Amino acid sequence: AAEYGLINRVVPAERVYEEAFSQAKQLAAGPPIALKAILDSTIRGEEV
């Protein structure tokens, strides 16, 4: 699934939540308005 691009990456099962939380915590510390704008530009941009 990772090779196909269906998911971003694979980690050992015992660390999967730890890895997800680490990335989520890093994103949550970022600038909310810029993050929202990136998501909006990318997702809406794919549709046009």
ModelCIF file with pLDDT and N, C-alpha, C, O atoms, coordinates in Angstrom:
data_MODEL
#
_entry.id   MODEL 
#
_entity.id                         1 
_entity.type                       polymer 
_entity.pdbx_number_of_molecules   1 
#
_entity_poly.entity_id                      1 
_entity_poly.type                           'polypeptide(L)' 
_entity_poly.nstd_linkage                   no 
_entity_poly.nstd_monomer                   no 
_entity_poly.pdbx_seq_one_letter_code       AAEYGLINRVVPAERVYEEAFSQAKQLAAGPPIALKAILDSTIRGEEV 
_entity_poly.pdbx_seq_one_letter_code_can   AAEYGLINRVVPAERVYEEAFSQAKQLAAGPPIALKAILDSTIRGEEV 
_entity_poly.pdbx_strand_id                 A 
#
loop_
_entity_poly_seq.entity_id 
_entity_poly_seq.num 
_entity_poly_seq.mon_id 
_entity_poly_seq.hetero 
1 1  ALA n 
1 2  ALA n 
1 3  GLU n 
1 4  TYR n 
1 5  GLY n 
1 6  LEU n 
1 7  ILE n 
1 8  ASN n 
1 9  ARG n 
1 10 VAL n 
1 11 VAL n 
1 12 PRO n 
1 13 ALA n 
1 14 GLU n 
1 15 ARG n 
1 16 VAL n 
1 17 TYR n 
1 18 GLU n 
1 19 GLU n 
1 20 ALA n 
1 21 PHE n 
1 22 SER n 
1 23 GLN n 
1 24 ALA n 
1 25 LYS n 
1 26 GLN n 
1 27 LEU n 
1 28 ALA n 
1 29 ALA n 
1 30 GLY n 
1 31 PRO n 
1 32 PRO n 
1 33 ILE n 
1 34 ALA n 
1 35 LEU n 
1 36 LYS n 
1 37 ALA n 
1 38 ILE n 
1 39 LEU n 
1 40 ASP n 
1 41 SER n 
1 42 THR n 
1 43 ILE n 
1 44 ARG n 
1 45 GLY n 
1 46 GLU n 
1 47 GLU n 
1 48 VAL n 
#
_struct_asym.id          A 
_struct_asym.entity_id   1 
#
loop_
_ma_qa_metric.id 
_ma_qa_metric.mode 
_ma_qa_metric.name 
_ma_qa_metric.software_group_id 
_ma_qa_metric.type 
1 global pLDDT . pLDDT 
2 local  pLDDT . pLDDT 
#
_ma_qa_metric_global.metric_id      1 
_ma_qa_metric_global.metric_value   96.35 
_ma_qa_metric_global.model_id       1 
_ma_qa_metric_global.ordinal_id     1 
#
loop_
_ma_qa_metric_local.label_asym_id 
_ma_qa_metric_local.label_comp_id 
_ma_qa_metric_local.label_seq_id 
_ma_qa_metric_local.metric_id 
_ma_qa_metric_local.metric_value 
_ma_qa_metric_local.model_id 
_ma_qa_metric_local.ordinal_id 
A ALA 1  2 98.00 1 1  
A ALA 2  2 98.00 1 2  
A GLU 3  2 97.00 1 3  
A TYR 4  2 98.00 1 4  
A GLY 5  2 97.00 1 5  
A LEU 6  2 98.00 1 6  
A ILE 7  2 98.00 1 7  
A ASN 8  2 98.00 1 8  
A ARG 9  2 97.00 1 9  
A VAL 10 2 98.00 1 10 
A VAL 11 2 98.00 1 11 
A PRO 12 2 98.00 1 12 
A ALA 13 2 97.00 1 13 
A GLU 14 2 96.00 1 14 
A ARG 15 2 97.00 1 15 
A VAL 16 2 98.00 1 16 
A TYR 17 2 97.00 1 17 
A GLU 18 2 97.00 1 18 
A GLU 19 2 98.00 1 19 
A ALA 20 2 98.00 1 20 
A PHE 21 2 98.00 1 21 
A SER 22 2 97.00 1 22 
A GLN 23 2 98.00 1 23 
A ALA 24 2 98.00 1 24 
A LYS 25 2 97.00 1 25 
A GLN 26 2 96.00 1 26 
A LEU 27 2 97.00 1 27 
A ALA 28 2 96.00 1 28 
A ALA 29 2 94.00 1 29 
A GLY 30 2 93.00 1 30 
A PRO 31 2 94.00 1 31 
A PRO 32 2 94.00 1 32 
A ILE 33 2 95.00 1 33 
A ALA 34 2 95.00 1 34 
A LEU 35 2 96.00 1 35 
A LYS 36 2 96.00 1 36 
A ALA 37 2 96.00 1 37 
A ILE 38 2 97.00 1 38 
A LEU 39 2 97.00 1 39 
A ASP 40 2 96.00 1 40 
A SER 41 2 97.00 1 41 
A THR 42 2 96.00 1 42 
A ILE 43 2 95.00 1 43 
A ARG 44 2 94.00 1 44 
A GLY 45 2 95.00 1 45 
A GLU 46 2 92.00 1 46 
A GLU 47 2 91.00 1 47 
A VAL 48 2 94.00 1 48 
#
loop_
_atom_site.group_PDB 
_atom_site.id 
_atom_site.type_symbol 
_atom_site.label_atom_id 
_atom_site.label_alt_id 
_atom_site.label_comp_id 
_atom_site.label_asym_id 
_atom_site.label_entity_id 
_atom_site.label_seq_id 
_atom_site.pdbx_PDB_ins_code 
_atom_site.Cartn_x 
_atom_site.Cartn_y 
_atom_site.Cartn_z 
_atom_site.occupancy 
_atom_site.B_iso_or_equiv 
_atom_site.pdbx_formal_charge 
_atom_site.auth_seq_id 
_atom_site.auth_comp_id 
_atom_site.auth_asym_id 
_atom_site.auth_atom_id 
_atom_site.pdbx_PDB_model_num 
ATOM 1   N N  . ALA A 1 1  ? 0.834   -1.204 0.000   1.00 98.00 ? 1  ALA A N  1 
ATOM 2   C CA . ALA A 1 1  ? 0.000   0.000  0.000   1.00 98.00 ? 1  ALA A CA 1 
ATOM 3   C C  . ALA A 1 1  ? 0.867   1.251  0.000   1.00 98.00 ? 1  ALA A C  1 
ATOM 4   O O  . ALA A 1 1  ? 0.540   2.241  -0.655  1.00 98.00 ? 1  ALA A O  1 
ATOM 5   N N  . ALA A 1 2  ? 1.969   1.204  0.734   1.00 98.00 ? 2  ALA A N  1 
ATOM 6   C CA . ALA A 1 2  ? 2.898   2.337  0.756   1.00 98.00 ? 2  ALA A CA 1 
ATOM 7   C C  . ALA A 1 2  ? 3.591   2.494  -0.594  1.00 98.00 ? 2  ALA A C  1 
ATOM 8   O O  . ALA A 1 2  ? 3.767   3.614  -1.073  1.00 98.00 ? 2  ALA A O  1 
ATOM 9   N N  . GLU A 1 3  ? 3.986   1.381  -1.209  1.00 97.00 ? 3  GLU A N  1 
ATOM 10  C CA . GLU A 1 3  ? 4.624   1.434  -2.525  1.00 97.00 ? 3  GLU A CA 1 
ATOM 11  C C  . GLU A 1 3  ? 3.671   2.013  -3.577  1.00 97.00 ? 3  GLU A C  1 
ATOM 12  O O  . GLU A 1 3  ? 4.094   2.744  -4.473  1.00 97.00 ? 3  GLU A O  1 
ATOM 13  N N  . TYR A 1 4  ? 2.396   1.682  -3.457  1.00 98.00 ? 4  TYR A N  1 
ATOM 14  C CA . TYR A 1 4  ? 1.395   2.183  -4.398  1.00 98.00 ? 4  TYR A CA 1 
ATOM 15  C C  . TYR A 1 4  ? 1.065   3.663  -4.161  1.00 98.00 ? 4  TYR A C  1 
ATOM 16  O O  . TYR A 1 4  ? 0.566   4.334  -5.065  1.00 98.00 ? 4  TYR A O  1 
ATOM 17  N N  . GLY A 1 5  ? 1.339   4.171  -2.963  1.00 97.00 ? 5  GLY A N  1 
ATOM 18  C CA . GLY A 1 5  ? 0.961   5.537  -2.627  1.00 97.00 ? 5  GLY A CA 1 
ATOM 19  C C  . GLY A 1 5  ? -0.396  5.621  -1.966  1.00 97.00 ? 5  GLY A C  1 
ATOM 20  O O  . GLY A 1 5  ? -0.956  6.709  -1.831  1.00 97.00 ? 5  GLY A O  1 
ATOM 21  N N  . LEU A 1 6  ? -0.933  4.482  -1.551  1.00 98.00 ? 6  LEU A N  1 
ATOM 22  C CA . LEU A 1 6  ? -2.227  4.460  -0.870  1.00 98.00 ? 6  LEU A CA 1 
ATOM 23  C C  . LEU A 1 6  ? -2.102  4.986  0.556   1.00 98.00 ? 6  LEU A C  1 
ATOM 24  O O  . LEU A 1 6  ? -3.045  5.575  1.083   1.00 98.00 ? 6  LEU A O  1 
ATOM 25  N N  . ILE A 1 7  ? -0.958  4.782  1.177   1.00 98.00 ? 7  ILE A N  1 
ATOM 26  C CA . ILE A 1 7  ? -0.678  5.309  2.506   1.00 98.00 ? 7  ILE A CA 1 
ATOM 27  C C  . ILE A 1 7  ? 0.687   5.993  2.471   1.00 98.00 ? 7  ILE A C  1 
ATOM 28  O O  . ILE A 1 7  ? 1.433   5.855  1.501   1.00 98.00 ? 7  ILE A O  1 
ATOM 29  N N  . ASN A 1 8  ? 1.006   6.725  3.525   1.00 98.00 ? 8  ASN A N  1 
ATOM 30  C CA . ASN A 1 8  ? 2.285   7.442  3.556   1.00 98.00 ? 8  ASN A CA 1 
ATOM 31  C C  . ASN A 1 8  ? 3.452   6.560  3.954   1.00 98.00 ? 8  ASN A C  1 
ATOM 32  O O  . ASN A 1 8  ? 4.485   6.559  3.284   1.00 98.00 ? 8  ASN A O  1 
ATOM 33  N N  . ARG A 1 9  ? 3.299   5.805  5.043   1.00 97.00 ? 9  ARG A N  1 
ATOM 34  C CA . ARG A 1 9  ? 4.418   4.973  5.482   1.00 97.00 ? 9  ARG A CA 1 
ATOM 35  C C  . ARG A 1 9  ? 3.956   3.861  6.400   1.00 97.00 ? 9  ARG A C  1 
ATOM 36  O O  . ARG A 1 9  ? 2.831   3.855  6.901   1.00 97.00 ? 9  ARG A O  1 
ATOM 37  N N  . VAL A 1 10 ? 4.865   2.918  6.604   1.00 98.00 ? 10 VAL A N  1 
ATOM 38  C CA . VAL A 1 10 ? 4.600   1.736  7.425   1.00 98.00 ? 10 VAL A CA 1 
ATOM 39  C C  . VAL A 1 10 ? 5.583   1.722  8.587   1.00 98.00 ? 10 VAL A C  1 
ATOM 40  O O  . VAL A 1 10 ? 6.766   2.012  8.410   1.00 98.00 ? 10 VAL A O  1 
ATOM 41  N N  . VAL A 1 11 ? 5.093   1.386  9.774   1.00 98.00 ? 11 VAL A N  1 
ATOM 42  C CA . VAL A 1 11 ? 5.954   1.307  10.955  1.00 98.00 ? 11 VAL A CA 1 
ATOM 43  C C  . VAL A 1 11 ? 5.608   0.021  11.710  1.00 98.00 ? 11 VAL A C  1 
ATOM 44  O O  . VAL A 1 11 ? 4.535   -0.543 11.498  1.00 98.00 ? 11 VAL A O  1 
ATOM 45  N N  . PRO A 1 12 ? 6.492   -0.447 12.581  1.00 98.00 ? 12 PRO A N  1 
ATOM 46  C CA . PRO A 1 12 ? 6.167   -1.630 13.383  1.00 98.00 ? 12 PRO A CA 1 
ATOM 47  C C  . PRO A 1 12 ? 4.861   -1.428 14.148  1.00 98.00 ? 12 PRO A C  1 
ATOM 48  O O  . PRO A 1 12 ? 4.586   -0.344 14.662  1.00 98.00 ? 12 PRO A O  1 
ATOM 49  N N  . ALA A 1 13 ? 4.071   -2.483 14.211  1.00 97.00 ? 13 ALA A N  1 
ATOM 50  C CA . ALA A 1 13 ? 2.734   -2.390 14.795  1.00 97.00 ? 13 ALA A CA 1 
ATOM 51  C C  . ALA A 1 13 ? 2.741   -1.807 16.202  1.00 97.00 ? 13 ALA A C  1 
ATOM 52  O O  . ALA A 1 13 ? 1.846   -1.043 16.563  1.00 97.00 ? 13 ALA A O  1 
ATOM 53  N N  . GLU A 1 14 ? 3.747   -2.165 16.998  1.00 96.00 ? 14 GLU A N  1 
ATOM 54  C CA . GLU A 1 14 ? 3.763   -1.694 18.377  1.00 96.00 ? 14 GLU A CA 1 
ATOM 55  C C  . GLU A 1 14 ? 4.061   -0.194 18.490  1.00 96.00 ? 14 GLU A C  1 
ATOM 56  O O  . GLU A 1 14 ? 3.925   0.392  19.565  1.00 96.00 ? 14 GLU A O  1 
ATOM 57  N N  . ARG A 1 15 ? 4.471   0.426  17.363  1.00 97.00 ? 15 ARG A N  1 
ATOM 58  C CA . ARG A 1 15 ? 4.802   1.846  17.394  1.00 97.00 ? 15 ARG A CA 1 
ATOM 59  C C  . ARG A 1 15 ? 3.882   2.701  16.530  1.00 97.00 ? 15 ARG A C  1 
ATOM 60  O O  . ARG A 1 15 ? 4.104   3.904  16.391  1.00 97.00 ? 15 ARG A O  1 
ATOM 61  N N  . VAL A 1 16 ? 2.855   2.090  15.952  1.00 98.00 ? 16 VAL A N  1 
ATOM 62  C CA . VAL A 1 16 ? 2.070   2.817  14.961  1.00 98.00 ? 16 VAL A CA 1 
ATOM 63  C C  . VAL A 1 16 ? 1.364   4.030  15.571  1.00 98.00 ? 16 VAL A C  1 
ATOM 64  O O  . VAL A 1 16 ? 1.362   5.106  14.974  1.00 98.00 ? 16 VAL A O  1 
ATOM 65  N N  . TYR A 1 17 ? 0.767   3.866  16.751  1.00 97.00 ? 17 TYR A N  1 
ATOM 66  C CA . TYR A 1 17 ? 0.082   5.019  17.338  1.00 97.00 ? 17 TYR A CA 1 
ATOM 67  C C  . TYR A 1 17 ? 1.089   6.073  17.795  1.00 97.00 ? 17 TYR A C  1 
ATOM 68  O O  . TYR A 1 17 ? 0.849   7.271  17.640  1.00 97.00 ? 17 TYR A O  1 
ATOM 69  N N  . GLU A 1 18 ? 2.190   5.641  18.344  1.00 97.00 ? 18 GLU A N  1 
ATOM 70  C CA . GLU A 1 18 ? 3.234   6.571  18.778  1.00 97.00 ? 18 GLU A CA 1 
ATOM 71  C C  . GLU A 1 18 ? 3.706   7.435  17.612  1.00 97.00 ? 18 GLU A C  1 
ATOM 72  O O  . GLU A 1 18 ? 3.883   8.645  17.758  1.00 97.00 ? 18 GLU A O  1 
ATOM 73  N N  . GLU A 1 19 ? 3.908   6.806  16.453  1.00 98.00 ? 19 GLU A N  1 
ATOM 74  C CA . GLU A 1 19 ? 4.359   7.534  15.275  1.00 98.00 ? 19 GLU A CA 1 
ATOM 75  C C  . GLU A 1 19 ? 3.279   8.504  14.784  1.00 98.00 ? 19 GLU A C  1 
ATOM 76  O O  . GLU A 1 19 ? 3.576   9.645  14.431  1.00 98.00 ? 19 GLU A O  1 
ATOM 77  N N  . ALA A 1 20 ? 2.037   8.045  14.765  1.00 98.00 ? 20 ALA A N  1 
ATOM 78  C CA . ALA A 1 20 ? 0.943   8.906  14.321  1.00 98.00 ? 20 ALA A CA 1 
ATOM 79  C C  . ALA A 1 20 ? 0.783   10.099 15.258  1.00 98.00 ? 20 ALA A C  1 
ATOM 80  O O  . ALA A 1 20 ? 0.574   11.227 14.810  1.00 98.00 ? 20 ALA A O  1 
ATOM 81  N N  . PHE A 1 21 ? 0.881   9.844  16.550  1.00 98.00 ? 21 PHE A N  1 
ATOM 82  C CA . PHE A 1 21 ? 0.720   10.927 17.520  1.00 98.00 ? 21 PHE A CA 1 
ATOM 83  C C  . PHE A 1 21 ? 1.867   11.924 17.411  1.00 98.00 ? 21 PHE A C  1 
ATOM 84  O O  . PHE A 1 21 ? 1.651   13.130 17.528  1.00 98.00 ? 21 PHE A O  1 
ATOM 85  N N  . SER A 1 22 ? 3.082   11.432 17.190  1.00 97.00 ? 22 SER A N  1 
ATOM 86  C CA . SER A 1 22 ? 4.227   12.324 17.051  1.00 97.00 ? 22 SER A CA 1 
ATOM 87  C C  . SER A 1 22 ? 4.040   13.272 15.872  1.00 97.00 ? 22 SER A C  1 
ATOM 88  O O  . SER A 1 22 ? 4.307   14.469 15.980  1.00 97.00 ? 22 SER A O  1 
ATOM 89  N N  . GLN A 1 23 ? 3.576   12.726 14.739  1.00 98.00 ? 23 GLN A N  1 
ATOM 90  C CA . GLN A 1 23 ? 3.355   13.583 13.578  1.00 98.00 ? 23 GLN A CA 1 
ATOM 91  C C  . GLN A 1 23 ? 2.198   14.539 13.822  1.00 98.00 ? 23 GLN A C  1 
ATOM 92  O O  . GLN A 1 23 ? 2.265   15.708 13.443  1.00 98.00 ? 23 GLN A O  1 
ATOM 93  N N  . ALA A 1 24 ? 1.133   14.047 14.453  1.00 98.00 ? 24 ALA A N  1 
ATOM 94  C CA . ALA A 1 24 ? -0.028  14.889 14.735  1.00 98.00 ? 24 ALA A CA 1 
ATOM 95  C C  . ALA A 1 24 ? 0.341   16.029 15.680  1.00 98.00 ? 24 ALA A C  1 
ATOM 96  O O  . ALA A 1 24 ? -0.102  17.161 15.486  1.00 98.00 ? 24 ALA A O  1 
ATOM 97  N N  . LYS A 1 25 ? 1.132   15.745 16.680  1.00 97.00 ? 25 LYS A N  1 
ATOM 98  C CA . LYS A 1 25 ? 1.560   16.766 17.638  1.00 97.00 ? 25 LYS A CA 1 
ATOM 99  C C  . LYS A 1 25 ? 2.377   17.843 16.944  1.00 97.00 ? 25 LYS A C  1 
ATOM 100 O O  . LYS A 1 25 ? 2.230   19.029 17.239  1.00 97.00 ? 25 LYS A O  1 
ATOM 101 N N  . GLN A 1 26 ? 3.237   17.431 16.022  1.00 96.00 ? 26 GLN A N  1 
ATOM 102 C CA . GLN A 1 26 ? 4.052   18.390 15.275  1.00 96.00 ? 26 GLN A CA 1 
ATOM 103 C C  . GLN A 1 26 ? 3.167   19.284 14.406  1.00 96.00 ? 26 GLN A C  1 
ATOM 104 O O  . GLN A 1 26 ? 3.368   20.498 14.356  1.00 96.00 ? 26 GLN A O  1 
ATOM 105 N N  . LEU A 1 27 ? 2.191   18.689 13.726  1.00 97.00 ? 27 LEU A N  1 
ATOM 106 C CA . LEU A 1 27 ? 1.289   19.475 12.892  1.00 97.00 ? 27 LEU A CA 1 
ATOM 107 C C  . LEU A 1 27 ? 0.423   20.406 13.728  1.00 97.00 ? 27 LEU A C  1 
ATOM 108 O O  . LEU A 1 27 ? 0.170   21.545 13.335  1.00 97.00 ? 27 LEU A O  1 
ATOM 109 N N  . ALA A 1 28 ? -0.031  19.922 14.879  1.00 96.00 ? 28 ALA A N  1 
ATOM 110 C CA . ALA A 1 28 ? -0.901  20.714 15.744  1.00 96.00 ? 28 ALA A CA 1 
ATOM 111 C C  . ALA A 1 28 ? -0.194  21.947 16.288  1.00 96.00 ? 28 ALA A C  1 
ATOM 112 O O  . ALA A 1 28 ? -0.844  22.925 16.657  1.00 96.00 ? 28 ALA A O  1 
ATOM 113 N N  . ALA A 1 29 ? 1.136   21.906 16.340  1.00 94.00 ? 29 ALA A N  1 
ATOM 114 C CA . ALA A 1 29 ? 1.915   23.051 16.819  1.00 94.00 ? 29 ALA A CA 1 
ATOM 115 C C  . ALA A 1 29 ? 2.153   24.072 15.717  1.00 94.00 ? 29 ALA A C  1 
ATOM 116 O O  . ALA A 1 29 ? 2.698   25.144 15.980  1.00 94.00 ? 29 ALA A O  1 
ATOM 117 N N  . GLY A 1 30 ? 1.758   23.760 14.498  1.00 93.00 ? 30 GLY A N  1 
ATOM 118 C CA . GLY A 1 30 ? 1.992   24.639 13.365  1.00 93.00 ? 30 GLY A CA 1 
ATOM 119 C C  . GLY A 1 30 ? 0.985   25.769 13.291  1.00 93.00 ? 30 GLY A C  1 
ATOM 120 O O  . GLY A 1 30 ? 0.089   25.858 14.130  1.00 93.00 ? 30 GLY A O  1 
ATOM 121 N N  . PRO A 1 31 ? 1.120   26.636 12.294  1.00 94.00 ? 31 PRO A N  1 
ATOM 122 C CA . PRO A 1 31 ? 0.208   27.779 12.131  1.00 94.00 ? 31 PRO A CA 1 
ATOM 123 C C  . PRO A 1 31 ? -1.151  27.333 11.590  1.00 94.00 ? 31 PRO A C  1 
ATOM 124 O O  . PRO A 1 31 ? -1.229  26.909 10.437  1.00 94.00 ? 31 PRO A O  1 
ATOM 125 N N  . PRO A 1 32 ? -2.211  27.412 12.371  1.00 94.00 ? 32 PRO A N  1 
ATOM 126 C CA . PRO A 1 32 ? -3.519  26.868 11.964  1.00 94.00 ? 32 PRO A CA 1 
ATOM 127 C C  . PRO A 1 32 ? -4.061  27.450 10.669  1.00 94.00 ? 32 PRO A C  1 
ATOM 128 O O  . PRO A 1 32 ? -4.643  26.728 9.859   1.00 94.00 ? 32 PRO A O  1 
ATOM 129 N N  . ILE A 1 33 ? -3.875  28.746 10.467  1.00 95.00 ? 33 ILE A N  1 
ATOM 130 C CA . ILE A 1 33 ? -4.446  29.372 9.271   1.00 95.00 ? 33 ILE A CA 1 
ATOM 131 C C  . ILE A 1 33 ? -3.722  28.882 8.020   1.00 95.00 ? 33 ILE A C  1 
ATOM 132 O O  . ILE A 1 33 ? -4.353  28.618 6.997   1.00 95.00 ? 33 ILE A O  1 
ATOM 133 N N  . ALA A 1 34 ? -2.399  28.762 8.104   1.00 95.00 ? 34 ALA A N  1 
ATOM 134 C CA . ALA A 1 34 ? -1.633  28.275 6.954   1.00 95.00 ? 34 ALA A CA 1 
ATOM 135 C C  . ALA A 1 34 ? -1.942  26.815 6.668   1.00 95.00 ? 34 ALA A C  1 
ATOM 136 O O  . ALA A 1 34 ? -2.061  26.423 5.507   1.00 95.00 ? 34 ALA A O  1 
ATOM 137 N N  . LEU A 1 35 ? -2.074  26.008 7.710   1.00 96.00 ? 35 LEU A N  1 
ATOM 138 C CA . LEU A 1 35 ? -2.413  24.598 7.507   1.00 96.00 ? 35 LEU A CA 1 
ATOM 139 C C  . LEU A 1 35 ? -3.764  24.470 6.812   1.00 96.00 ? 35 LEU A C  1 
ATOM 140 O O  . LEU A 1 35 ? -3.917  23.689 5.873   1.00 96.00 ? 35 LEU A O  1 
ATOM 141 N N  . LYS A 1 36 ? -4.738  25.241 7.278   1.00 96.00 ? 36 LYS A N  1 
ATOM 142 C CA . LYS A 1 36 ? -6.070  25.220 6.670   1.00 96.00 ? 36 LYS A CA 1 
ATOM 143 C C  . LYS A 1 36 ? -5.995  25.627 5.204   1.00 96.00 ? 36 LYS A C  1 
ATOM 144 O O  . LYS A 1 36 ? -6.658  25.029 4.357   1.00 96.00 ? 36 LYS A O  1 
ATOM 145 N N  . ALA A 1 37 ? -5.189  26.644 4.900   1.00 96.00 ? 37 ALA A N  1 
ATOM 146 C CA . ALA A 1 37 ? -5.071  27.127 3.523   1.00 96.00 ? 37 ALA A CA 1 
ATOM 147 C C  . ALA A 1 37 ? -4.399  26.102 2.624   1.00 96.00 ? 37 ALA A C  1 
ATOM 148 O O  . ALA A 1 37 ? -4.779  25.954 1.463   1.00 96.00 ? 37 ALA A O  1 
ATOM 149 N N  . ILE A 1 38 ? -3.405  25.392 3.145   1.00 97.00 ? 38 ILE A N  1 
ATOM 150 C CA . ILE A 1 38 ? -2.738  24.339 2.368   1.00 97.00 ? 38 ILE A CA 1 
ATOM 151 C C  . ILE A 1 38 ? -3.721  23.216 2.054   1.00 97.00 ? 38 ILE A C  1 
ATOM 152 O O  . ILE A 1 38 ? -3.792  22.745 0.919   1.00 97.00 ? 38 ILE A O  1 
ATOM 153 N N  . LEU A 1 39 ? -4.473  22.793 3.054   1.00 97.00 ? 39 LEU A N  1 
ATOM 154 C CA . LEU A 1 39 ? -5.459  21.730 2.847   1.00 97.00 ? 39 LEU A CA 1 
ATOM 155 C C  . LEU A 1 39 ? -6.508  22.166 1.819   1.00 97.00 ? 39 LEU A C  1 
ATOM 156 O O  . LEU A 1 39 ? -6.858  21.403 0.918   1.00 97.00 ? 39 LEU A O  1 
ATOM 157 N N  . ASP A 1 40 ? -7.000  23.383 1.961   1.00 96.00 ? 40 ASP A N  1 
ATOM 158 C CA . ASP A 1 40 ? -8.027  23.877 1.049   1.00 96.00 ? 40 ASP A CA 1 
ATOM 159 C C  . ASP A 1 40 ? -7.483  23.984 -0.377  1.00 96.00 ? 40 ASP A C  1 
ATOM 160 O O  . ASP A 1 40 ? -8.143  23.560 -1.326  1.00 96.00 ? 40 ASP A O  1 
ATOM 161 N N  . SER A 1 41 ? -6.281  24.549 -0.529  1.00 97.00 ? 41 SER A N  1 
ATOM 162 C CA . SER A 1 41 ? -5.704  24.718 -1.860  1.00 97.00 ? 41 SER A CA 1 
ATOM 163 C C  . SER A 1 41 ? -5.469  23.374 -2.537  1.00 97.00 ? 41 SER A C  1 
ATOM 164 O O  . SER A 1 41 ? -5.732  23.217 -3.729  1.00 97.00 ? 41 SER A O  1 
ATOM 165 N N  . THR A 1 42 ? -4.974  22.409 -1.771  1.00 96.00 ? 42 THR A N  1 
ATOM 166 C CA . THR A 1 42 ? -4.635  21.113 -2.343  1.00 96.00 ? 42 THR A CA 1 
ATOM 167 C C  . THR A 1 42 ? -5.876  20.299 -2.691  1.00 96.00 ? 42 THR A C  1 
ATOM 168 O O  . THR A 1 42 ? -5.990  19.784 -3.804  1.00 96.00 ? 42 THR A O  1 
ATOM 169 N N  . ILE A 1 43 ? -6.797  20.182 -1.754  1.00 95.00 ? 43 ILE A N  1 
ATOM 170 C CA . ILE A 1 43 ? -7.978  19.339 -1.977  1.00 95.00 ? 43 ILE A CA 1 
ATOM 171 C C  . ILE A 1 43 ? -8.894  19.950 -3.029  1.00 95.00 ? 43 ILE A C  1 
ATOM 172 O O  . ILE A 1 43 ? -9.318  19.257 -3.954  1.00 95.00 ? 43 ILE A O  1 
ATOM 173 N N  . ARG A 1 44 ? -9.202  21.227 -2.903  1.00 94.00 ? 44 ARG A N  1 
ATOM 174 C CA . ARG A 1 44 ? -10.062 21.866 -3.915  1.00 94.00 ? 44 ARG A CA 1 
ATOM 175 C C  . ARG A 1 44 ? -9.361  21.949 -5.259  1.00 94.00 ? 44 ARG A C  1 
ATOM 176 O O  . ARG A 1 44 ? -9.994  21.832 -6.308  1.00 94.00 ? 44 ARG A O  1 
ATOM 177 N N  . GLY A 1 45 ? -8.039  22.152 -5.223  1.00 95.00 ? 45 GLY A N  1 
ATOM 178 C CA . GLY A 1 45 ? -7.296  22.269 -6.468  1.00 95.00 ? 45 GLY A CA 1 
ATOM 179 C C  . GLY A 1 45 ? -7.299  20.995 -7.292  1.00 95.00 ? 45 GLY A C  1 
ATOM 180 O O  . GLY A 1 45 ? -7.216  21.045 -8.519  1.00 95.00 ? 45 GLY A O  1 
ATOM 181 N N  . GLU A 1 46 ? -7.393  19.845 -6.621  1.00 92.00 ? 46 GLU A N  1 
ATOM 182 C CA . GLU A 1 46 ? -7.448  18.566 -7.334  1.00 92.00 ? 46 GLU A CA 1 
ATOM 183 C C  . GLU A 1 46 ? -8.725  18.414 -8.153  1.00 92.00 ? 46 GLU A C  1 
ATOM 184 O O  . GLU A 1 46 ? -8.767  17.638 -9.108  1.00 92.00 ? 46 GLU A O  1 
ATOM 185 N N  . GLU A 1 47 ? -9.762  19.151 -7.778  1.00 91.00 ? 47 GLU A N  1 
ATOM 186 C CA . GLU A 1 47 ? -11.074 18.980 -8.381  1.00 91.00 ? 47 GLU A CA 1 
ATOM 187 C C  . GLU A 1 47 ? -11.310 19.893 -9.577  1.00 91.00 ? 47 GLU A C  1 
ATOM 188 O O  . GLU A 1 47 ? -12.357 19.823 -10.221 1.00 91.00 ? 47 GLU A O  1 
ATOM 189 N N  . VAL A 1 48 ? -10.330 20.757 -9.874  1.00 94.00 ? 48 VAL A N  1 
ATOM 190 C CA . VAL A 1 48 ? -10.506 21.717 -10.962 1.00 94.00 ? 48 VAL A CA 1 
ATOM 191 C C  . VAL A 1 48 ? -9.291  21.689 -11.892 1.00 94.00 ? 48 VAL A C  1 
ATOM 192 O O  . VAL A 1 48 ? -9.248  22.430 -12.874 1.00 94.00 ? 48 VAL A O  1 
#
